Amino acid sequence: MSDHTESVYRVVLNDEEQYSIWQADRELPAGWRAEGTQGTKQECLEHIGRVWTDMRPASLRRRMESDAAGAAGGQGGRQSIPV
């Protein structure tokens, strides 16, 4: 008989604060770090659903905040964002 056990996963994130899951017994890929949550696949996905509320990469959020602060300070009015 085979012993079937459910895999354990951990929540990981990268420098852009983008979340994913990774099997706990595997080495993390370059650029990713453990967030601290570990459990079943479903538990990890539910955790990500609760904490990852802004899907924009961190660098984009920072740039948009900086642009908004500059506009609020009266520095030049409208700014165009390249598409």
Foldseek 3Di string as FASTA:
>chain_A
DDDDDAFKWFWKAFPQRAIDIDGPVDDDDPRIDTPPDMGGPVVNVVVCVVPVPDRGGNVVVVVVVVVVVCCVVVNPHDDDDDD
